[in-house]
Amino acid sequence: MSRVAIKVLTTVTAPYGGALSAHDLAGRIADPGSAERCDPLVFAFFSEVSPRLQQAFIDEMHVDPTAARQVASRFSELAGYSLPFADESRFAA
């Protein structure tokens, strides 16, 4: 497992425990249902992981950045505040 994946998984799973693979998280951050289910691990990814590390993970795991941005935008709406990855101007798609 890469250093990027280890850092991300450590950050998102620390408060919740449990086992989650990098591939599982990658699928969840691009799944619109994650926001509808209020998936705490996906919310932690978008709110607790640094924007630079989010981008590195998305690139490394070949996640569709447009889909991830849509999920982040929905979480922003639900949370009532802006999440960095939801801001299209901050990252290249």
N, C-alpha and C. Protein backbone atom coordinates (compact mmCIF):
# COMPACT_ATOMS: atom_id res chain seq x y z
N MET A 1 0.86 -1.17 0.00
CA MET A 1 0.00 0.00 0.00
C MET A 1 0.90 1.24 0.00
N SER A 2 0.52 2.24 -0.75
CA SER A 2 1.33 3.45 -0.87
C SER A 2 1.23 4.31 0.38
N ARG A 3 2.17 5.23 0.52
CA ARG A 3 2.16 6.16 1.65
C ARG A 3 0.91 7.04 1.62
N VAL A 4 0.51 7.44 0.43
CA VAL A 4 -0.69 8.27 0.28
C VAL A 4 -1.90 7.51 0.82
N ALA A 5 -2.08 6.29 0.38
CA ALA A 5 -3.23 5.49 0.82
C ALA A 5 -3.19 5.26 2.33
N ILE A 6 -2.03 4.99 2.87
CA ILE A 6 -1.91 4.75 4.31
C ILE A 6 -2.31 6.00 5.09
N LYS A 7 -1.81 7.16 4.67
CA LYS A 7 -2.15 8.42 5.37
C LYS A 7 -3.65 8.69 5.29
N VAL A 8 -4.22 8.52 4.12
CA VAL A 8 -5.65 8.77 3.95
C VAL A 8 -6.47 7.81 4.80
N LEU A 9 -6.19 6.53 4.70
CA LEU A 9 -6.97 5.54 5.45
C LEU A 9 -6.83 5.73 6.96
N THR A 10 -5.65 6.08 7.42
CA THR A 10 -5.45 6.34 8.84
C THR A 10 -6.31 7.51 9.30
N THR A 11 -6.35 8.54 8.49
CA THR A 11 -7.14 9.73 8.85
C THR A 11 -8.63 9.44 8.86
N VAL A 12 -9.14 8.77 7.84
CA VAL A 12 -10.59 8.59 7.75
C VAL A 12 -11.13 7.49 8.66
N THR A 13 -10.31 6.51 8.99
CA THR A 13 -10.81 5.43 9.82
C THR A 13 -10.53 5.62 11.31
N ALA A 14 -9.64 6.51 11.68
CA ALA A 14 -9.26 6.69 13.09
C ALA A 14 -10.46 6.91 14.00
N PRO A 15 -11.37 7.82 13.68
CA PRO A 15 -12.48 8.05 14.60
C PRO A 15 -13.53 6.93 14.60
N TYR A 16 -13.55 6.12 13.55
CA TYR A 16 -14.63 5.15 13.39
C TYR A 16 -14.18 3.71 13.54
N GLY A 17 -12.89 3.46 13.40
CA GLY A 17 -12.40 2.09 13.46
C GLY A 17 -12.85 1.30 12.25
N GLY A 18 -12.64 0.04 12.30
CA GLY A 18 -13.08 -0.81 11.20
C GLY A 18 -12.05 -0.88 10.09
N ALA A 19 -12.23 -1.84 9.23
CA ALA A 19 -11.31 -2.06 8.12
C ALA A 19 -11.92 -1.49 6.84
N LEU A 20 -11.10 -0.79 6.11
CA LEU A 20 -11.52 -0.22 4.83
C LEU A 20 -10.30 -0.24 3.92
N SER A 21 -10.47 -0.75 2.72
CA SER A 21 -9.35 -0.76 1.78
C SER A 21 -9.34 0.55 1.00
N ALA A 22 -8.20 0.83 0.42
CA ALA A 22 -8.07 2.03 -0.42
C ALA A 22 -9.05 1.95 -1.59
N HIS A 23 -9.22 0.77 -2.14
CA HIS A 23 -10.14 0.60 -3.27
C HIS A 23 -11.59 0.83 -2.84
N ASP A 24 -11.94 0.37 -1.64
CA ASP A 24 -13.29 0.62 -1.13
C ASP A 24 -13.54 2.11 -0.97
N LEU A 25 -12.57 2.82 -0.37
CA LEU A 25 -12.73 4.26 -0.19
C LEU A 25 -12.80 4.96 -1.53
N ALA A 26 -11.97 4.56 -2.47
CA ALA A 26 -11.98 5.18 -3.80
C ALA A 26 -13.37 5.05 -4.44
N GLY A 27 -13.96 3.89 -4.32
CA GLY A 27 -15.30 3.70 -4.87
C GLY A 27 -16.34 4.56 -4.18
N ARG A 28 -16.20 4.69 -2.88
CA ARG A 28 -17.17 5.47 -2.12
C ARG A 28 -17.09 6.96 -2.40
N ILE A 29 -15.87 7.49 -2.61
CA ILE A 29 -15.76 8.94 -2.80
C ILE A 29 -16.28 9.39 -4.17
N ALA A 30 -16.50 8.43 -5.07
CA ALA A 30 -17.06 8.76 -6.38
C ALA A 30 -18.52 8.31 -6.50
N ASP A 31 -19.08 7.78 -5.44
CA ASP A 31 -20.44 7.25 -5.46
C ASP A 31 -21.41 8.28 -4.87
N PRO A 32 -22.33 8.81 -5.68
CA PRO A 32 -23.28 9.79 -5.17
C PRO A 32 -24.09 9.27 -3.98
N GLY A 33 -24.29 7.98 -3.90
CA GLY A 33 -25.02 7.40 -2.79
C GLY A 33 -24.32 7.60 -1.45
N SER A 34 -23.03 7.82 -1.48
CA SER A 34 -22.28 8.05 -0.24
C SER A 34 -22.80 9.29 0.50
N ALA A 35 -23.11 10.32 -0.25
CA ALA A 35 -23.64 11.54 0.37
C ALA A 35 -25.06 11.30 0.86
N GLU A 36 -25.84 10.59 0.08
CA GLU A 36 -27.22 10.32 0.48
C GLU A 36 -27.28 9.45 1.73
N ARG A 37 -26.29 8.56 1.88
CA ARG A 37 -26.21 7.70 3.07
C ARG A 37 -25.46 8.39 4.21
N CYS A 38 -24.94 9.58 3.93
CA CYS A 38 -24.12 10.33 4.91
C CYS A 38 -22.98 9.46 5.42
N ASP A 39 -22.27 8.84 4.50
CA ASP A 39 -21.15 7.96 4.84
C ASP A 39 -20.09 8.75 5.60
N PRO A 40 -19.86 8.42 6.86
CA PRO A 40 -18.92 9.20 7.66
C PRO A 40 -17.48 9.11 7.18
N LEU A 41 -17.11 8.00 6.56
CA LEU A 41 -15.75 7.85 6.07
C LEU A 41 -15.50 8.74 4.86
N VAL A 42 -16.49 8.86 4.01
CA VAL A 42 -16.36 9.74 2.85
C VAL A 42 -16.36 11.20 3.30
N PHE A 43 -17.23 11.53 4.25
CA PHE A 43 -17.23 12.89 4.78
C PHE A 43 -15.88 13.21 5.42
N ALA A 44 -15.31 12.26 6.16
CA ALA A 44 -14.00 12.46 6.76
C ALA A 44 -12.94 12.68 5.68
N PHE A 45 -13.03 11.96 4.58
CA PHE A 45 -12.08 12.15 3.49
C PHE A 45 -12.13 13.59 3.00
N PHE A 46 -13.32 14.09 2.73
CA PHE A 46 -13.45 15.44 2.17
C PHE A 46 -13.25 16.55 3.21
N SER A 47 -13.42 16.24 4.49
CA SER A 47 -13.32 17.30 5.50
C SER A 47 -12.05 17.23 6.35
N GLU A 48 -11.44 16.06 6.49
CA GLU A 48 -10.29 15.91 7.39
C GLU A 48 -8.96 15.69 6.68
N VAL A 49 -9.00 15.21 5.46
CA VAL A 49 -7.77 14.97 4.69
C VAL A 49 -7.41 16.26 3.97
N SER A 50 -6.13 16.60 3.97
CA SER A 50 -5.70 17.84 3.32
C SER A 50 -6.05 17.82 1.83
N PRO A 51 -6.36 18.96 1.26
CA PRO A 51 -6.69 19.00 -0.17
C PRO A 51 -5.59 18.41 -1.06
N ARG A 52 -4.34 18.64 -0.71
CA ARG A 52 -3.24 18.09 -1.50
C ARG A 52 -3.25 16.57 -1.45
N LEU A 53 -3.50 16.01 -0.26
CA LEU A 53 -3.55 14.56 -0.11
C LEU A 53 -4.81 13.97 -0.77
N GLN A 54 -5.91 14.70 -0.72
CA GLN A 54 -7.12 14.25 -1.42
C GLN A 54 -6.81 14.08 -2.91
N GLN A 55 -6.19 15.10 -3.49
CA GLN A 55 -5.88 15.06 -4.92
C GLN A 55 -4.92 13.93 -5.23
N ALA A 56 -3.91 13.73 -4.39
CA ALA A 56 -2.95 12.64 -4.62
C ALA A 56 -3.64 11.28 -4.58
N PHE A 57 -4.55 11.10 -3.61
CA PHE A 57 -5.28 9.84 -3.50
C PHE A 57 -6.17 9.62 -4.72
N ILE A 58 -6.89 10.64 -5.12
CA ILE A 58 -7.78 10.53 -6.28
C ILE A 58 -6.99 10.19 -7.54
N ASP A 59 -5.83 10.84 -7.70
CA ASP A 59 -4.98 10.54 -8.86
C ASP A 59 -4.46 9.11 -8.79
N GLU A 60 -3.94 8.73 -7.64
CA GLU A 60 -3.34 7.40 -7.46
C GLU A 60 -4.35 6.28 -7.67
N MET A 61 -5.56 6.50 -7.20
CA MET A 61 -6.59 5.46 -7.28
C MET A 61 -7.43 5.55 -8.55
N HIS A 62 -7.10 6.47 -9.42
CA HIS A 62 -7.79 6.65 -10.69
C HIS A 62 -9.29 6.88 -10.51
N VAL A 63 -9.61 7.71 -9.52
CA VAL A 63 -11.00 8.09 -9.26
C VAL A 63 -11.39 9.19 -10.23
N ASP A 64 -12.58 9.12 -10.77
CA ASP A 64 -13.09 10.17 -11.65
C ASP A 64 -13.21 11.45 -10.82
N PRO A 65 -12.40 12.48 -11.11
CA PRO A 65 -12.44 13.70 -10.30
C PRO A 65 -13.77 14.44 -10.39
N THR A 66 -14.44 14.33 -11.51
CA THR A 66 -15.74 14.99 -11.65
C THR A 66 -16.76 14.35 -10.72
N ALA A 67 -16.77 13.03 -10.67
CA ALA A 67 -17.69 12.32 -9.77
C ALA A 67 -17.36 12.63 -8.31
N ALA A 68 -16.08 12.64 -7.97
CA ALA A 68 -15.67 12.95 -6.59
C ALA A 68 -16.06 14.39 -6.23
N ARG A 69 -15.89 15.31 -7.16
CA ARG A 69 -16.26 16.70 -6.91
C ARG A 69 -17.76 16.83 -6.68
N GLN A 70 -18.56 16.07 -7.41
CA GLN A 70 -20.02 16.09 -7.21
C GLN A 70 -20.39 15.56 -5.82
N VAL A 71 -19.72 14.50 -5.39
CA VAL A 71 -19.97 13.96 -4.06
C VAL A 71 -19.54 14.98 -3.00
N ALA A 72 -18.39 15.58 -3.18
CA ALA A 72 -17.92 16.60 -2.23
C ALA A 72 -18.88 17.78 -2.19
N SER A 73 -19.41 18.17 -3.33
CA SER A 73 -20.37 19.28 -3.38
C SER A 73 -21.64 18.95 -2.62
N ARG A 74 -22.09 17.73 -2.75
CA ARG A 74 -23.30 17.32 -2.01
C ARG A 74 -23.04 17.29 -0.51
N PHE A 75 -21.87 16.81 -0.11
CA PHE A 75 -21.52 16.85 1.31
C PHE A 75 -21.41 18.29 1.80
N SER A 76 -20.91 19.19 0.97
CA SER A 76 -20.85 20.60 1.34
C SER A 76 -22.24 21.15 1.62
N GLU A 77 -23.17 20.82 0.75
CA GLU A 77 -24.55 21.26 0.94
C GLU A 77 -25.12 20.70 2.24
N LEU A 78 -24.90 19.42 2.49
CA LEU A 78 -25.42 18.78 3.69
C LEU A 78 -24.78 19.36 4.96
N ALA A 79 -23.49 19.64 4.89
CA ALA A 79 -22.77 20.14 6.06
C ALA A 79 -23.04 21.62 6.32
N GLY A 80 -23.38 22.34 5.27
CA GLY A 80 -23.63 23.77 5.43
C GLY A 80 -22.38 24.63 5.36
N TYR A 81 -21.28 24.04 4.90
CA TYR A 81 -20.05 24.82 4.70
C TYR A 81 -19.26 24.22 3.55
N SER A 82 -18.36 25.02 3.02
CA SER A 82 -17.60 24.62 1.85
C SER A 82 -16.52 23.61 2.18
N LEU A 83 -16.44 22.57 1.39
CA LEU A 83 -15.36 21.60 1.48
C LEU A 83 -14.41 21.86 0.31
N PRO A 84 -13.11 21.85 0.55
CA PRO A 84 -12.15 22.24 -0.49
C PRO A 84 -12.32 21.52 -1.82
N PHE A 85 -12.54 20.21 -1.82
CA PHE A 85 -12.61 19.50 -3.10
C PHE A 85 -13.87 19.86 -3.89
N ALA A 86 -14.87 20.40 -3.22
CA ALA A 86 -16.09 20.81 -3.91
C ALA A 86 -15.87 22.07 -4.72
N ASP A 87 -14.81 22.83 -4.40
CA ASP A 87 -14.48 24.07 -5.10
C ASP A 87 -13.74 23.74 -6.37
N GLU A 88 -14.44 23.77 -7.47
CA GLU A 88 -13.90 23.37 -8.77
C GLU A 88 -12.66 24.17 -9.15
N SER A 89 -12.57 25.41 -8.71
CA SER A 89 -11.44 26.25 -9.10
C SER A 89 -10.13 25.86 -8.42
N ARG A 90 -10.20 25.06 -7.35
CA ARG A 90 -8.98 24.69 -6.60
C ARG A 90 -8.21 23.56 -7.25
N PHE A 91 -8.88 22.72 -8.03
CA PHE A 91 -8.23 21.54 -8.56
C PHE A 91 -8.48 21.41 -10.05
N ALA A 92 -7.52 20.84 -10.73
CA ALA A 92 -7.72 20.53 -12.14
C ALA A 92 -8.49 19.22 -12.22
N ALA A 93 -9.47 19.18 -13.07
CA ALA A 93 -10.26 17.94 -13.22
C ALA A 93 -9.54 16.96 -14.10
